[in-house]
Amino acid sequence: MSEATLSSKGQITIPADIREALGLVVGERVVFTQLDDGTTVMRAKTRSINDLKGMLKPARKGRKVLIDEMNIGRR
């Protein structure tokens, strides 16, 4: 388990073993996500929205998506 101390400026140094595990290098960004149970997850921001281009299949021409199809899995 690694730990860090918060500075008076609100900064922390990410421990070397964590930086290594995440593959972080100087200048890379990290993202913090707060979960409902109070846990905070930190992850390396390794992809931009531009990296996702082309991952989805193009829509078939003339095919419309119904609202009910968009809500699959929602309650």
N, C-alpha and C. Protein backbone atom coordinates (compact mmCIF):
# COMPACT_ATOMS: atom_id res chain seq x y z
N MET A 1 0.85 -1.17 0.00
CA MET A 1 0.00 0.00 0.00
C MET A 1 0.89 1.24 0.00
N SER A 2 0.58 2.19 -0.84
CA SER A 2 1.34 3.43 -0.94
C SER A 2 0.53 4.56 -0.35
N GLU A 3 1.22 5.58 0.13
CA GLU A 3 0.51 6.75 0.63
C GLU A 3 1.28 8.00 0.26
N ALA A 4 0.58 9.13 0.29
CA ALA A 4 1.18 10.43 -0.03
C ALA A 4 0.62 11.45 0.95
N THR A 5 1.34 12.56 1.09
CA THR A 5 0.92 13.63 1.99
C THR A 5 0.47 14.83 1.18
N LEU A 6 -0.64 15.42 1.57
CA LEU A 6 -1.18 16.60 0.91
C LEU A 6 -0.39 17.82 1.36
N SER A 7 0.07 18.63 0.38
CA SER A 7 0.83 19.84 0.72
C SER A 7 -0.13 20.98 1.07
N SER A 8 0.42 22.07 1.55
CA SER A 8 -0.40 23.24 1.89
C SER A 8 -1.06 23.85 0.65
N LYS A 9 -0.53 23.53 -0.54
CA LYS A 9 -1.11 24.02 -1.80
C LYS A 9 -2.12 23.03 -2.39
N GLY A 10 -2.42 21.97 -1.66
CA GLY A 10 -3.39 20.98 -2.14
C GLY A 10 -2.81 20.00 -3.14
N GLN A 11 -1.50 19.84 -3.15
CA GLN A 11 -0.83 18.96 -4.10
C GLN A 11 -0.33 17.70 -3.40
N ILE A 12 -0.25 16.62 -4.19
CA ILE A 12 0.37 15.39 -3.70
C ILE A 12 1.35 14.90 -4.75
N THR A 13 2.32 14.14 -4.32
CA THR A 13 3.23 13.45 -5.24
C THR A 13 2.75 12.02 -5.31
N ILE A 14 2.48 11.56 -6.53
CA ILE A 14 2.04 10.17 -6.70
C ILE A 14 3.25 9.28 -6.48
N PRO A 15 3.17 8.32 -5.56
CA PRO A 15 4.31 7.45 -5.28
C PRO A 15 4.83 6.75 -6.54
N ALA A 16 6.13 6.54 -6.58
CA ALA A 16 6.79 5.97 -7.77
C ALA A 16 6.18 4.64 -8.21
N ASP A 17 5.85 3.75 -7.25
CA ASP A 17 5.30 2.45 -7.64
C ASP A 17 3.94 2.59 -8.32
N ILE A 18 3.16 3.59 -7.90
CA ILE A 18 1.85 3.83 -8.52
C ILE A 18 2.04 4.43 -9.91
N ARG A 19 2.96 5.38 -10.04
CA ARG A 19 3.25 5.97 -11.36
C ARG A 19 3.70 4.89 -12.34
N GLU A 20 4.54 3.99 -11.86
CA GLU A 20 5.02 2.89 -12.70
C GLU A 20 3.87 1.98 -13.12
N ALA A 21 3.03 1.60 -12.17
CA ALA A 21 1.91 0.69 -12.45
C ALA A 21 0.94 1.30 -13.46
N LEU A 22 0.75 2.63 -13.39
CA LEU A 22 -0.15 3.30 -14.32
C LEU A 22 0.53 3.69 -15.63
N GLY A 23 1.84 3.55 -15.67
CA GLY A 23 2.58 3.92 -16.87
C GLY A 23 2.62 5.43 -17.08
N LEU A 24 2.58 6.19 -15.99
CA LEU A 24 2.56 7.65 -16.08
C LEU A 24 3.95 8.20 -16.37
N VAL A 25 3.99 9.20 -17.23
CA VAL A 25 5.22 9.93 -17.50
C VAL A 25 4.93 11.42 -17.31
N VAL A 26 5.98 12.21 -17.23
CA VAL A 26 5.85 13.65 -17.00
C VAL A 26 4.89 14.27 -18.01
N GLY A 27 3.97 15.07 -17.51
CA GLY A 27 3.04 15.79 -18.37
C GLY A 27 1.73 15.06 -18.62
N GLU A 28 1.64 13.78 -18.26
CA GLU A 28 0.38 13.07 -18.47
C GLU A 28 -0.65 13.48 -17.43
N ARG A 29 -1.91 13.33 -17.80
CA ARG A 29 -3.01 13.72 -16.93
C ARG A 29 -3.60 12.50 -16.24
N VAL A 30 -4.17 12.73 -15.08
CA VAL A 30 -4.91 11.69 -14.37
C VAL A 30 -6.33 12.19 -14.14
N VAL A 31 -7.24 11.26 -14.01
CA VAL A 31 -8.65 11.57 -13.81
C VAL A 31 -9.09 10.98 -12.48
N PHE A 32 -9.82 11.77 -11.69
CA PHE A 32 -10.35 11.30 -10.42
C PHE A 32 -11.86 11.16 -10.55
N THR A 33 -12.40 10.02 -10.14
CA THR A 33 -13.83 9.76 -10.19
C THR A 33 -14.31 9.41 -8.80
N GLN A 34 -15.29 10.15 -8.30
CA GLN A 34 -15.86 9.84 -6.99
C GLN A 34 -17.05 8.91 -7.17
N LEU A 35 -17.05 7.81 -6.44
CA LEU A 35 -18.14 6.85 -6.49
C LEU A 35 -19.13 7.15 -5.37
N ASP A 36 -20.34 6.61 -5.52
CA ASP A 36 -21.40 6.86 -4.54
C ASP A 36 -21.05 6.40 -3.13
N ASP A 37 -20.20 5.38 -3.01
CA ASP A 37 -19.87 4.85 -1.69
C ASP A 37 -18.74 5.63 -0.99
N GLY A 38 -18.30 6.74 -1.60
CA GLY A 38 -17.26 7.56 -1.00
C GLY A 38 -15.86 7.25 -1.49
N THR A 39 -15.72 6.20 -2.27
CA THR A 39 -14.43 5.82 -2.83
C THR A 39 -14.07 6.77 -3.96
N THR A 40 -12.80 7.11 -4.07
CA THR A 40 -12.32 7.90 -5.20
C THR A 40 -11.35 7.05 -6.00
N VAL A 41 -11.57 6.99 -7.30
CA VAL A 41 -10.73 6.20 -8.20
C VAL A 41 -9.86 7.16 -9.01
N MET A 42 -8.57 6.88 -9.07
CA MET A 42 -7.65 7.67 -9.89
C MET A 42 -7.18 6.79 -11.03
N ARG A 43 -7.23 7.32 -12.25
CA ARG A 43 -6.74 6.55 -13.39
C ARG A 43 -6.00 7.46 -14.34
N ALA A 44 -5.11 6.89 -15.11
CA ALA A 44 -4.37 7.65 -16.11
C ALA A 44 -5.31 7.99 -17.26
N LYS A 45 -5.25 9.22 -17.72
CA LYS A 45 -6.05 9.62 -18.88
C LYS A 45 -5.21 9.32 -20.11
N THR A 46 -5.43 8.14 -20.66
CA THR A 46 -4.57 7.68 -21.75
C THR A 46 -5.19 7.85 -23.13
N ARG A 47 -6.47 8.17 -23.18
CA ARG A 47 -7.13 8.32 -24.47
C ARG A 47 -7.85 9.65 -24.55
N SER A 48 -7.84 10.23 -25.71
CA SER A 48 -8.66 11.41 -25.94
C SER A 48 -9.89 10.96 -26.71
N ILE A 49 -10.85 11.82 -26.81
CA ILE A 49 -12.07 11.49 -27.56
C ILE A 49 -11.74 11.20 -29.02
N ASN A 50 -10.68 11.83 -29.53
CA ASN A 50 -10.28 11.61 -30.92
C ASN A 50 -9.78 10.18 -31.15
N ASP A 51 -9.25 9.53 -30.11
CA ASP A 51 -8.79 8.15 -30.24
C ASP A 51 -9.94 7.18 -30.47
N LEU A 52 -11.15 7.58 -30.13
CA LEU A 52 -12.30 6.70 -30.26
C LEU A 52 -12.90 6.71 -31.67
N LYS A 53 -12.45 7.64 -32.49
CA LYS A 53 -12.98 7.77 -33.85
C LYS A 53 -12.82 6.45 -34.61
N GLY A 54 -13.92 6.02 -35.24
CA GLY A 54 -13.89 4.82 -36.05
C GLY A 54 -14.15 3.53 -35.31
N MET A 55 -14.37 3.59 -33.99
CA MET A 55 -14.60 2.37 -33.22
C MET A 55 -16.00 1.80 -33.42
N LEU A 56 -16.96 2.65 -33.78
CA LEU A 56 -18.33 2.19 -33.97
C LEU A 56 -18.58 1.91 -35.45
N LYS A 57 -19.44 0.95 -35.70
CA LYS A 57 -19.82 0.65 -37.07
C LYS A 57 -20.69 1.78 -37.60
N PRO A 58 -20.52 2.14 -38.87
CA PRO A 58 -21.38 3.19 -39.43
C PRO A 58 -22.84 2.72 -39.47
N ALA A 59 -23.74 3.66 -39.28
CA ALA A 59 -25.17 3.33 -39.33
C ALA A 59 -25.56 2.95 -40.76
N ARG A 60 -26.49 2.03 -40.86
CA ARG A 60 -27.00 1.67 -42.18
C ARG A 60 -27.89 2.80 -42.67
N LYS A 61 -27.76 3.14 -43.92
CA LYS A 61 -28.55 4.24 -44.47
C LYS A 61 -30.04 3.94 -44.34
N GLY A 62 -30.77 4.97 -43.92
CA GLY A 62 -32.21 4.85 -43.82
C GLY A 62 -32.69 4.17 -42.55
N ARG A 63 -31.78 3.65 -41.73
CA ARG A 63 -32.18 2.96 -40.50
C ARG A 63 -32.34 3.98 -39.39
N LYS A 64 -33.52 4.03 -38.82
CA LYS A 64 -33.78 4.93 -37.70
C LYS A 64 -33.77 4.12 -36.41
N VAL A 65 -33.28 4.72 -35.37
CA VAL A 65 -33.24 4.07 -34.06
C VAL A 65 -34.42 4.58 -33.24
N LEU A 66 -35.20 3.65 -32.73
CA LEU A 66 -36.35 4.01 -31.92
C LEU A 66 -35.92 4.37 -30.50
N ILE A 67 -36.70 5.22 -29.84
CA ILE A 67 -36.41 5.62 -28.46
C ILE A 67 -36.29 4.39 -27.57
N ASP A 68 -37.17 3.42 -27.73
CA ASP A 68 -37.13 2.20 -26.91
C ASP A 68 -35.81 1.45 -27.09
N GLU A 69 -35.23 1.48 -28.28
CA GLU A 69 -33.96 0.81 -28.53
C GLU A 69 -32.81 1.54 -27.84
N MET A 70 -32.93 2.87 -27.71
CA MET A 70 -31.90 3.65 -27.03
C MET A 70 -31.91 3.42 -25.53
N ASN A 71 -33.04 3.03 -24.99
CA ASN A 71 -33.21 2.87 -23.56
C ASN A 71 -33.00 1.44 -23.07
N ILE A 72 -32.44 0.59 -23.89
CA ILE A 72 -32.20 -0.80 -23.49
C ILE A 72 -31.35 -0.80 -22.23
N GLY A 73 -31.78 -1.53 -21.22
CA GLY A 73 -31.03 -1.65 -19.98
C GLY A 73 -31.33 -0.57 -18.95
N ARG A 74 -32.03 0.46 -19.35
CA ARG A 74 -32.41 1.51 -18.39
C ARG A 74 -33.74 1.18 -17.77
N ARG A 75 -33.89 1.62 -16.53
CA ARG A 75 -35.17 1.39 -15.85
C ARG A 75 -35.71 2.66 -15.34
